Every structure is written in C-alpha cells, then in structure tokens.
Amino acid sequence: MSDFTSVSSTKYTALFTPTADSTTDAEISIAKGAFVGADGKDSVERKLTLDIDTTVPAAAVKPSITGDAAINASEFGAAISVTVTITDTGAVVGDKVELLLDGESFATAITKTITQTHVDAGTLTMVIPAEGAWWRRI
C-alpha cells in the first residue's frame, strides 16, 4: 500500500499495486482499534481479499497454410500473415503480443503492441517474414 491520503476527517484513500506476473491473492486488513470513529468507539477488524491475476494471457494461434497443413515452395517463399484474436483475452491497449514457434521466440522476435484499433476490432495481424525466415532445422 502506498499514497495513504486523508480525503476528509472520515475518509482516506490508499493505492494498492499488485505484484507483476502474479496470481497470489492479496489481503488488505484494518486492525481492531486502528482508529477511533466519530462515535468515539475503536474500529473493528476488517479484511478485504482481492483476487489477483496480473499474468499475461496466452493465446494459442495456429495459422492456416492452404488448408493442407503443409508448407509448399510458394508458401515457403512468401510472407505468412497470422491473425490473432484478442477478444475475451483481457488484452488492453499497450499490451505486447509476441508470435512464438513451438513456444520459442523467432530468431528475430515478431512482436506487436496492441492499439485501440486492435481492441475495437478484436484482432490484430502479425507477419512472418518471407523466404522461410521462420524456418529452423530440428
């Protein structure tokens, strides 16, 4: 908690910032007797539990390559556009999306920062460069 501020004689505000990349719930507590109310009585104990999830959503995306699940010579020499659906993922303006191959970054990372246009459309397009730049030998 930070920025604890008195708004009036009976109201206070504070800023709670959860840990990045965390799913650990937070608990904010006020101890019994932490303050005295307008009626002259000590405060009672109160706890507020917050469900936290600051992890980056993961989306499994499989581009369609001519519908045959194989890459032909023409496709190998062309750039491949991948449409990523971000609707109902919790993605917001400023989030970054990285296209991965088998869970790993490309030799040159393929990334895009989500804009309001992407959020409004619910999709964004990413391009794998031409000439098999994505190819790697197993």
N, C-alpha and C. Protein backbone atom coordinates (compact mmCIF):
# COMPACT_ATOMS: atom_id res chain seq x y z
N MET A 1 0.85 -1.16 0.00
CA MET A 1 0.00 0.00 0.00
C MET A 1 0.90 1.23 0.00
N SER A 2 0.45 2.21 -0.75
CA SER A 2 1.20 3.46 -0.80
C SER A 2 0.21 4.61 -0.97
N ASP A 3 0.72 5.80 -0.96
CA ASP A 3 -0.08 7.00 -1.17
C ASP A 3 -1.29 7.08 -0.24
N PHE A 4 -1.09 6.72 1.02
CA PHE A 4 -2.16 6.82 2.01
C PHE A 4 -2.46 8.29 2.22
N THR A 5 -3.69 8.70 1.91
CA THR A 5 -4.04 10.12 1.92
C THR A 5 -5.36 10.35 2.65
N SER A 6 -5.39 11.40 3.44
CA SER A 6 -6.62 11.79 4.12
C SER A 6 -7.43 12.65 3.15
N VAL A 7 -8.63 12.20 2.83
CA VAL A 7 -9.53 12.95 1.96
C VAL A 7 -10.38 13.90 2.81
N SER A 8 -10.77 13.42 3.99
CA SER A 8 -11.52 14.24 4.94
C SER A 8 -11.25 13.65 6.32
N SER A 9 -11.96 14.15 7.31
CA SER A 9 -11.74 13.62 8.67
C SER A 9 -12.28 12.20 8.82
N THR A 10 -13.06 11.74 7.85
CA THR A 10 -13.63 10.39 7.94
C THR A 10 -13.30 9.50 6.74
N LYS A 11 -12.58 10.03 5.76
CA LYS A 11 -12.27 9.24 4.57
C LYS A 11 -10.78 9.30 4.25
N TYR A 12 -10.26 8.13 3.87
CA TYR A 12 -8.86 8.01 3.48
C TYR A 12 -8.78 7.20 2.19
N THR A 13 -7.75 7.43 1.42
CA THR A 13 -7.50 6.61 0.23
C THR A 13 -6.09 6.07 0.31
N ALA A 14 -5.88 4.98 -0.39
CA ALA A 14 -4.55 4.39 -0.49
C ALA A 14 -4.46 3.67 -1.84
N LEU A 15 -3.27 3.50 -2.33
CA LEU A 15 -3.04 2.83 -3.61
C LEU A 15 -2.47 1.45 -3.35
N PHE A 16 -3.14 0.44 -3.91
CA PHE A 16 -2.64 -0.93 -3.83
C PHE A 16 -2.15 -1.32 -5.22
N THR A 17 -0.90 -1.74 -5.32
CA THR A 17 -0.33 -2.18 -6.59
C THR A 17 0.08 -3.64 -6.45
N PRO A 18 -0.60 -4.54 -7.18
CA PRO A 18 -0.25 -5.97 -7.06
C PRO A 18 1.08 -6.26 -7.74
N THR A 19 1.67 -7.37 -7.36
CA THR A 19 2.93 -7.81 -7.95
C THR A 19 2.70 -8.20 -9.40
N ALA A 20 3.62 -7.82 -10.28
CA ALA A 20 3.51 -8.19 -11.69
C ALA A 20 3.64 -9.69 -11.86
N ASP A 21 2.96 -10.23 -12.86
CA ASP A 21 3.01 -11.65 -13.23
C ASP A 21 2.70 -12.56 -12.04
N SER A 22 1.61 -12.23 -11.34
CA SER A 22 1.25 -12.96 -10.13
C SER A 22 -0.21 -13.37 -10.13
N THR A 23 -0.49 -14.49 -9.47
CA THR A 23 -1.87 -14.91 -9.24
C THR A 23 -2.12 -15.08 -7.74
N THR A 24 -1.23 -14.53 -6.93
CA THR A 24 -1.37 -14.61 -5.48
C THR A 24 -2.38 -13.57 -5.01
N ASP A 25 -3.44 -14.02 -4.35
CA ASP A 25 -4.45 -13.10 -3.86
C ASP A 25 -3.86 -12.17 -2.81
N ALA A 26 -4.45 -11.01 -2.69
CA ALA A 26 -3.98 -10.01 -1.72
C ALA A 26 -5.03 -9.84 -0.63
N GLU A 27 -4.57 -9.51 0.55
CA GLU A 27 -5.48 -9.24 1.65
C GLU A 27 -5.12 -7.89 2.25
N ILE A 28 -6.11 -7.05 2.35
CA ILE A 28 -5.93 -5.74 2.98
C ILE A 28 -6.69 -5.79 4.29
N SER A 29 -5.99 -5.49 5.39
CA SER A 29 -6.59 -5.61 6.72
C SER A 29 -6.54 -4.29 7.46
N ILE A 30 -7.58 -4.06 8.25
CA ILE A 30 -7.59 -2.95 9.20
C ILE A 30 -7.73 -3.60 10.58
N ALA A 31 -6.75 -3.34 11.42
CA ALA A 31 -6.73 -3.97 12.75
C ALA A 31 -7.78 -3.32 13.67
N LYS A 32 -8.26 -4.11 14.60
CA LYS A 32 -9.19 -3.60 15.61
C LYS A 32 -8.48 -2.48 16.37
N GLY A 33 -9.16 -1.35 16.51
CA GLY A 33 -8.58 -0.23 17.24
C GLY A 33 -7.59 0.60 16.45
N ALA A 34 -7.52 0.37 15.13
CA ALA A 34 -6.59 1.14 14.30
C ALA A 34 -6.96 2.62 14.24
N PHE A 35 -8.21 2.90 14.45
CA PHE A 35 -8.66 4.29 14.50
C PHE A 35 -9.92 4.37 15.38
N VAL A 36 -10.29 5.59 15.72
CA VAL A 36 -11.48 5.82 16.54
C VAL A 36 -12.51 6.50 15.66
N GLY A 37 -13.71 5.96 15.65
CA GLY A 37 -14.79 6.51 14.85
C GLY A 37 -15.35 7.78 15.44
N ALA A 38 -16.22 8.45 14.66
CA ALA A 38 -16.85 9.69 15.10
C ALA A 38 -17.65 9.48 16.38
N ASP A 39 -18.08 8.23 16.61
CA ASP A 39 -18.86 7.92 17.81
C ASP A 39 -17.97 7.64 19.03
N GLY A 40 -16.63 7.76 18.84
CA GLY A 40 -15.70 7.55 19.94
C GLY A 40 -15.32 6.09 20.17
N LYS A 41 -15.83 5.18 19.34
CA LYS A 41 -15.53 3.76 19.50
C LYS A 41 -14.35 3.36 18.62
N ASP A 42 -13.60 2.37 19.11
CA ASP A 42 -12.49 1.83 18.31
C ASP A 42 -13.04 1.12 17.08
N SER A 43 -12.25 1.16 16.02
CA SER A 43 -12.63 0.45 14.80
C SER A 43 -12.63 -1.06 15.05
N VAL A 44 -13.44 -1.76 14.27
CA VAL A 44 -13.46 -3.22 14.34
C VAL A 44 -12.50 -3.76 13.28
N GLU A 45 -12.09 -5.01 13.47
CA GLU A 45 -11.19 -5.62 12.49
C GLU A 45 -11.96 -5.89 11.19
N ARG A 46 -11.34 -5.54 10.06
CA ARG A 46 -11.93 -5.78 8.74
C ARG A 46 -10.84 -6.31 7.80
N LYS A 47 -11.23 -7.23 6.94
CA LYS A 47 -10.31 -7.78 5.94
C LYS A 47 -11.00 -7.76 4.59
N LEU A 48 -10.23 -7.39 3.59
CA LEU A 48 -10.71 -7.39 2.22
C LEU A 48 -9.74 -8.26 1.42
N THR A 49 -10.26 -9.30 0.78
CA THR A 49 -9.42 -10.16 -0.04
C THR A 49 -9.66 -9.81 -1.50
N LEU A 50 -8.57 -9.62 -2.24
CA LEU A 50 -8.65 -9.28 -3.66
C LEU A 50 -8.13 -10.45 -4.50
N ASP A 51 -8.91 -10.86 -5.49
CA ASP A 51 -8.45 -11.87 -6.43
C ASP A 51 -7.50 -11.20 -7.41
N ILE A 52 -6.28 -11.67 -7.47
CA ILE A 52 -5.25 -11.05 -8.30
C ILE A 52 -4.87 -11.97 -9.44
N ASP A 53 -4.78 -11.40 -10.63
CA ASP A 53 -4.22 -12.11 -11.78
C ASP A 53 -3.59 -11.07 -12.70
N THR A 54 -2.29 -10.88 -12.55
CA THR A 54 -1.58 -9.93 -13.38
C THR A 54 -0.70 -10.64 -14.42
N THR A 55 -1.01 -11.93 -14.64
CA THR A 55 -0.24 -12.68 -15.63
C THR A 55 -0.71 -12.30 -17.03
N VAL A 56 0.18 -12.43 -17.98
CA VAL A 56 -0.12 -12.12 -19.37
C VAL A 56 -0.94 -13.27 -19.95
N PRO A 57 -2.07 -12.97 -20.58
CA PRO A 57 -2.85 -14.06 -21.16
C PRO A 57 -2.10 -14.71 -22.31
N ALA A 58 -2.24 -16.01 -22.45
CA ALA A 58 -1.61 -16.73 -23.55
C ALA A 58 -2.69 -17.15 -24.53
N ALA A 59 -2.40 -16.99 -25.79
CA ALA A 59 -3.36 -17.39 -26.82
C ALA A 59 -2.67 -18.37 -27.75
N ALA A 60 -3.27 -19.51 -27.93
CA ALA A 60 -2.74 -20.48 -28.88
C ALA A 60 -3.27 -20.13 -30.26
N VAL A 61 -2.38 -19.84 -31.18
CA VAL A 61 -2.78 -19.43 -32.52
C VAL A 61 -2.10 -20.35 -33.52
N LYS A 62 -2.88 -20.90 -34.42
CA LYS A 62 -2.32 -21.76 -35.46
C LYS A 62 -2.72 -21.16 -36.80
N PRO A 63 -1.74 -20.63 -37.56
CA PRO A 63 -2.08 -20.05 -38.85
C PRO A 63 -2.53 -21.13 -39.83
N SER A 64 -3.42 -20.74 -40.71
CA SER A 64 -3.89 -21.66 -41.74
C SER A 64 -2.99 -21.52 -42.95
N ILE A 65 -2.40 -22.62 -43.38
CA ILE A 65 -1.50 -22.62 -44.53
C ILE A 65 -2.14 -23.50 -45.61
N THR A 66 -2.80 -22.90 -46.55
CA THR A 66 -3.54 -23.52 -47.66
C THR A 66 -4.45 -24.67 -47.25
N GLY A 67 -4.70 -24.84 -45.98
CA GLY A 67 -5.64 -25.86 -45.54
C GLY A 67 -5.11 -27.28 -45.58
N ASP A 68 -3.87 -27.48 -46.05
CA ASP A 68 -3.35 -28.85 -46.12
C ASP A 68 -2.33 -29.15 -45.03
N ALA A 69 -2.10 -28.20 -44.13
CA ALA A 69 -1.17 -28.35 -43.02
C ALA A 69 0.26 -28.60 -43.45
N ALA A 70 0.57 -28.32 -44.71
CA ALA A 70 1.93 -28.47 -45.21
C ALA A 70 2.36 -27.15 -45.84
N ILE A 71 3.65 -26.88 -45.83
CA ILE A 71 4.17 -25.65 -46.41
C ILE A 71 4.78 -25.99 -47.76
N ASN A 72 4.19 -25.45 -48.83
CA ASN A 72 4.73 -25.72 -50.16
C ASN A 72 5.77 -24.68 -50.52
N ALA A 73 6.42 -24.83 -51.66
CA ALA A 73 7.51 -23.93 -52.08
C ALA A 73 7.03 -22.49 -52.19
N SER A 74 5.81 -22.30 -52.68
CA SER A 74 5.27 -20.95 -52.81
C SER A 74 5.08 -20.30 -51.44
N GLU A 75 4.52 -21.05 -50.52
CA GLU A 75 4.30 -20.54 -49.17
C GLU A 75 5.63 -20.29 -48.46
N PHE A 76 6.62 -21.15 -48.72
CA PHE A 76 7.93 -21.01 -48.08
C PHE A 76 8.58 -19.69 -48.48
N GLY A 77 8.35 -19.27 -49.73
CA GLY A 77 8.97 -18.04 -50.22
C GLY A 77 8.16 -16.79 -49.97
N ALA A 78 6.98 -16.93 -49.40
CA ALA A 78 6.11 -15.77 -49.16
C ALA A 78 6.00 -15.47 -47.67
N ALA A 79 5.66 -14.24 -47.39
CA ALA A 79 5.38 -13.87 -46.00
C ALA A 79 4.08 -14.55 -45.60
N ILE A 80 3.96 -14.87 -44.34
CA ILE A 80 2.75 -15.52 -43.84
C ILE A 80 2.10 -14.58 -42.83
N SER A 81 0.84 -14.21 -43.11
CA SER A 81 0.08 -13.35 -42.20
C SER A 81 -0.64 -14.23 -41.19
N VAL A 82 -0.57 -13.85 -39.95
CA VAL A 82 -1.24 -14.57 -38.88
C VAL A 82 -2.20 -13.60 -38.20
N THR A 83 -3.48 -13.96 -38.16
CA THR A 83 -4.47 -13.13 -37.48
C THR A 83 -4.66 -13.66 -36.07
N VAL A 84 -4.47 -12.79 -35.11
CA VAL A 84 -4.58 -13.16 -33.70
C VAL A 84 -5.87 -12.55 -33.15
N THR A 85 -6.72 -13.39 -32.60
CA THR A 85 -7.96 -12.92 -31.98
C THR A 85 -7.67 -12.58 -30.52
N ILE A 86 -8.02 -11.36 -30.13
CA ILE A 86 -7.76 -10.93 -28.75
C ILE A 86 -9.05 -10.69 -27.96
N THR A 87 -10.19 -10.94 -28.59
CA THR A 87 -11.47 -10.79 -27.90
C THR A 87 -11.52 -11.76 -26.72
N ASP A 88 -12.01 -11.28 -25.58
CA ASP A 88 -12.18 -12.09 -24.37
C ASP A 88 -10.87 -12.65 -23.82
N THR A 89 -9.74 -11.99 -24.08
CA THR A 89 -8.46 -12.44 -23.52
C THR A 89 -8.00 -11.53 -22.39
N GLY A 90 -8.66 -10.39 -22.22
CA GLY A 90 -8.23 -9.43 -21.22
C GLY A 90 -7.16 -8.49 -21.76
N ALA A 91 -6.84 -8.61 -23.05
CA ALA A 91 -5.82 -7.75 -23.65
C ALA A 91 -6.30 -6.30 -23.67
N VAL A 92 -5.38 -5.38 -23.39
CA VAL A 92 -5.71 -3.96 -23.37
C VAL A 92 -4.66 -3.18 -24.16
N VAL A 93 -4.99 -1.95 -24.49
CA VAL A 93 -4.08 -1.07 -25.21
C VAL A 93 -2.74 -1.02 -24.47
N GLY A 94 -1.66 -1.21 -25.21
CA GLY A 94 -0.31 -1.16 -24.62
C GLY A 94 0.27 -2.53 -24.34
N ASP A 95 -0.59 -3.57 -24.27
CA ASP A 95 -0.06 -4.94 -24.10
C ASP A 95 0.76 -5.29 -25.33
N LYS A 96 1.74 -6.16 -25.13
CA LYS A 96 2.56 -6.61 -26.25
C LYS A 96 2.26 -8.07 -26.54
N VAL A 97 2.21 -8.40 -27.83
CA VAL A 97 1.97 -9.76 -28.28
C VAL A 97 3.23 -10.22 -29.01
N GLU A 98 3.68 -11.43 -28.69
CA GLU A 98 4.82 -11.99 -29.41
C GLU A 98 4.39 -13.30 -30.04
N LEU A 99 4.70 -13.46 -31.32
CA LEU A 99 4.40 -14.68 -32.04
C LEU A 99 5.52 -15.67 -31.76
N LEU A 100 5.15 -16.87 -31.33
CA LEU A 100 6.13 -17.90 -30.98
C LEU A 100 6.00 -19.08 -31.92
N LEU A 101 7.08 -19.81 -32.11
CA LEU A 101 7.09 -21.04 -32.90
C LEU A 101 7.46 -22.16 -31.96
N ASP A 102 6.53 -23.08 -31.74
CA ASP A 102 6.74 -24.18 -30.78
C ASP A 102 7.12 -23.66 -29.41
N GLY A 103 6.53 -22.53 -29.00
CA GLY A 103 6.77 -21.97 -27.68
C GLY A 103 8.04 -21.17 -27.54
N GLU A 104 8.75 -20.94 -28.65
CA GLU A 104 10.01 -20.20 -28.60
C GLU A 104 9.95 -18.99 -29.52
N SER A 105 10.72 -17.95 -29.16
CA SER A 105 10.79 -16.76 -30.00
C SER A 105 11.45 -17.09 -31.33
N PHE A 106 11.07 -16.35 -32.36
CA PHE A 106 11.75 -16.44 -33.64
C PHE A 106 13.15 -15.86 -33.46
N ALA A 107 14.06 -16.14 -34.40
CA ALA A 107 15.43 -15.60 -34.32
C ALA A 107 15.37 -14.08 -34.16
N THR A 108 14.50 -13.43 -34.91
CA THR A 108 14.20 -12.02 -34.71
C THR A 108 12.76 -11.98 -34.21
N ALA A 109 12.58 -11.54 -33.00
CA ALA A 109 11.25 -11.57 -32.37
C ALA A 109 10.21 -10.87 -33.24
N ILE A 110 9.04 -11.49 -33.35
CA ILE A 110 7.92 -10.92 -34.09
C ILE A 110 6.92 -10.46 -33.02
N THR A 111 6.85 -9.13 -32.84
CA THR A 111 6.02 -8.57 -31.78
C THR A 111 5.11 -7.47 -32.32
N LYS A 112 4.08 -7.19 -31.56
CA LYS A 112 3.19 -6.08 -31.90
C LYS A 112 2.62 -5.55 -30.59
N THR A 113 2.48 -4.24 -30.50
CA THR A 113 1.85 -3.60 -29.35
C THR A 113 0.39 -3.35 -29.69
N ILE A 114 -0.50 -3.77 -28.80
CA ILE A 114 -1.94 -3.64 -29.04
C ILE A 114 -2.36 -2.18 -28.96
N THR A 115 -3.12 -1.75 -29.97
CA THR A 115 -3.65 -0.39 -30.03
C THR A 115 -5.16 -0.42 -29.80
N GLN A 116 -5.76 0.76 -29.69
CA GLN A 116 -7.22 0.84 -29.54
C GLN A 116 -7.92 0.24 -30.75
N THR A 117 -7.33 0.42 -31.94
CA THR A 117 -7.90 -0.16 -33.16
C THR A 117 -7.98 -1.67 -33.05
N HIS A 118 -6.92 -2.31 -32.52
CA HIS A 118 -6.92 -3.76 -32.34
C HIS A 118 -8.00 -4.19 -31.34
N VAL A 119 -8.10 -3.46 -30.23
CA VAL A 119 -9.09 -3.80 -29.20
C VAL A 119 -10.49 -3.69 -29.79
N ASP A 120 -10.74 -2.60 -30.54
CA ASP A 120 -12.07 -2.40 -31.14
C ASP A 120 -12.40 -3.51 -32.14
N ALA A 121 -11.40 -3.93 -32.93
CA ALA A 121 -11.61 -4.98 -33.93
C ALA A 121 -11.62 -6.37 -33.32
N GLY A 122 -10.95 -6.53 -32.18
CA GLY A 122 -10.86 -7.84 -31.54
C GLY A 122 -9.80 -8.73 -32.17
N THR A 123 -9.03 -8.18 -33.10
CA THR A 123 -7.97 -8.95 -33.76
C THR A 123 -6.78 -8.05 -34.08
N LEU A 124 -5.67 -8.68 -34.36
CA LEU A 124 -4.51 -7.99 -34.91
C LEU A 124 -3.81 -8.96 -35.85
N THR A 125 -3.08 -8.41 -36.81
CA THR A 125 -2.38 -9.24 -37.79
C THR A 125 -0.88 -9.10 -37.58
N MET A 126 -0.21 -10.23 -37.59
CA MET A 126 1.25 -10.25 -37.47
C MET A 126 1.78 -10.97 -38.71
N VAL A 127 2.97 -10.60 -39.15
CA VAL A 127 3.51 -11.16 -40.38
C VAL A 127 4.84 -11.85 -40.11
N ILE A 128 4.90 -13.12 -40.54
CA ILE A 128 6.17 -13.87 -40.52
C ILE A 128 6.87 -13.52 -41.82
N PRO A 129 8.11 -13.02 -41.78
CA PRO A 129 8.78 -12.57 -42.99
C PRO A 129 8.92 -13.67 -44.05
N ALA A 130 9.10 -13.23 -45.30
CA ALA A 130 9.25 -14.14 -46.44
C ALA A 130 10.58 -14.90 -46.40
N GLU A 131 10.71 -15.80 -47.33
CA GLU A 131 11.93 -16.59 -47.54
C GLU A 131 12.23 -17.53 -46.38
N GLY A 132 11.20 -18.02 -45.77
CA GLY A 132 11.40 -19.02 -44.72
C GLY A 132 12.20 -18.52 -43.54
N ALA A 133 12.09 -17.21 -43.25
CA ALA A 133 12.84 -16.65 -42.13
C ALA A 133 12.46 -17.33 -40.80
N TRP A 134 11.32 -17.96 -40.77
CA TRP A 134 10.84 -18.62 -39.58
C TRP A 134 11.37 -20.02 -39.47
N TRP A 135 11.94 -20.54 -40.53
CA TRP A 135 12.35 -21.94 -40.60
C TRP A 135 13.55 -22.23 -39.70
N ARG A 136 13.53 -23.34 -39.05
CA ARG A 136 14.70 -23.81 -38.30
C ARG A 136 14.73 -25.33 -38.39
N ARG A 137 15.88 -25.86 -38.41
CA ARG A 137 16.02 -27.31 -38.53
C ARG A 137 15.91 -27.95 -37.16
N ILE A 138 15.32 -29.13 -37.13
CA ILE A 138 15.16 -29.87 -35.87
C ILE A 138 16.31 -30.83 -35.73
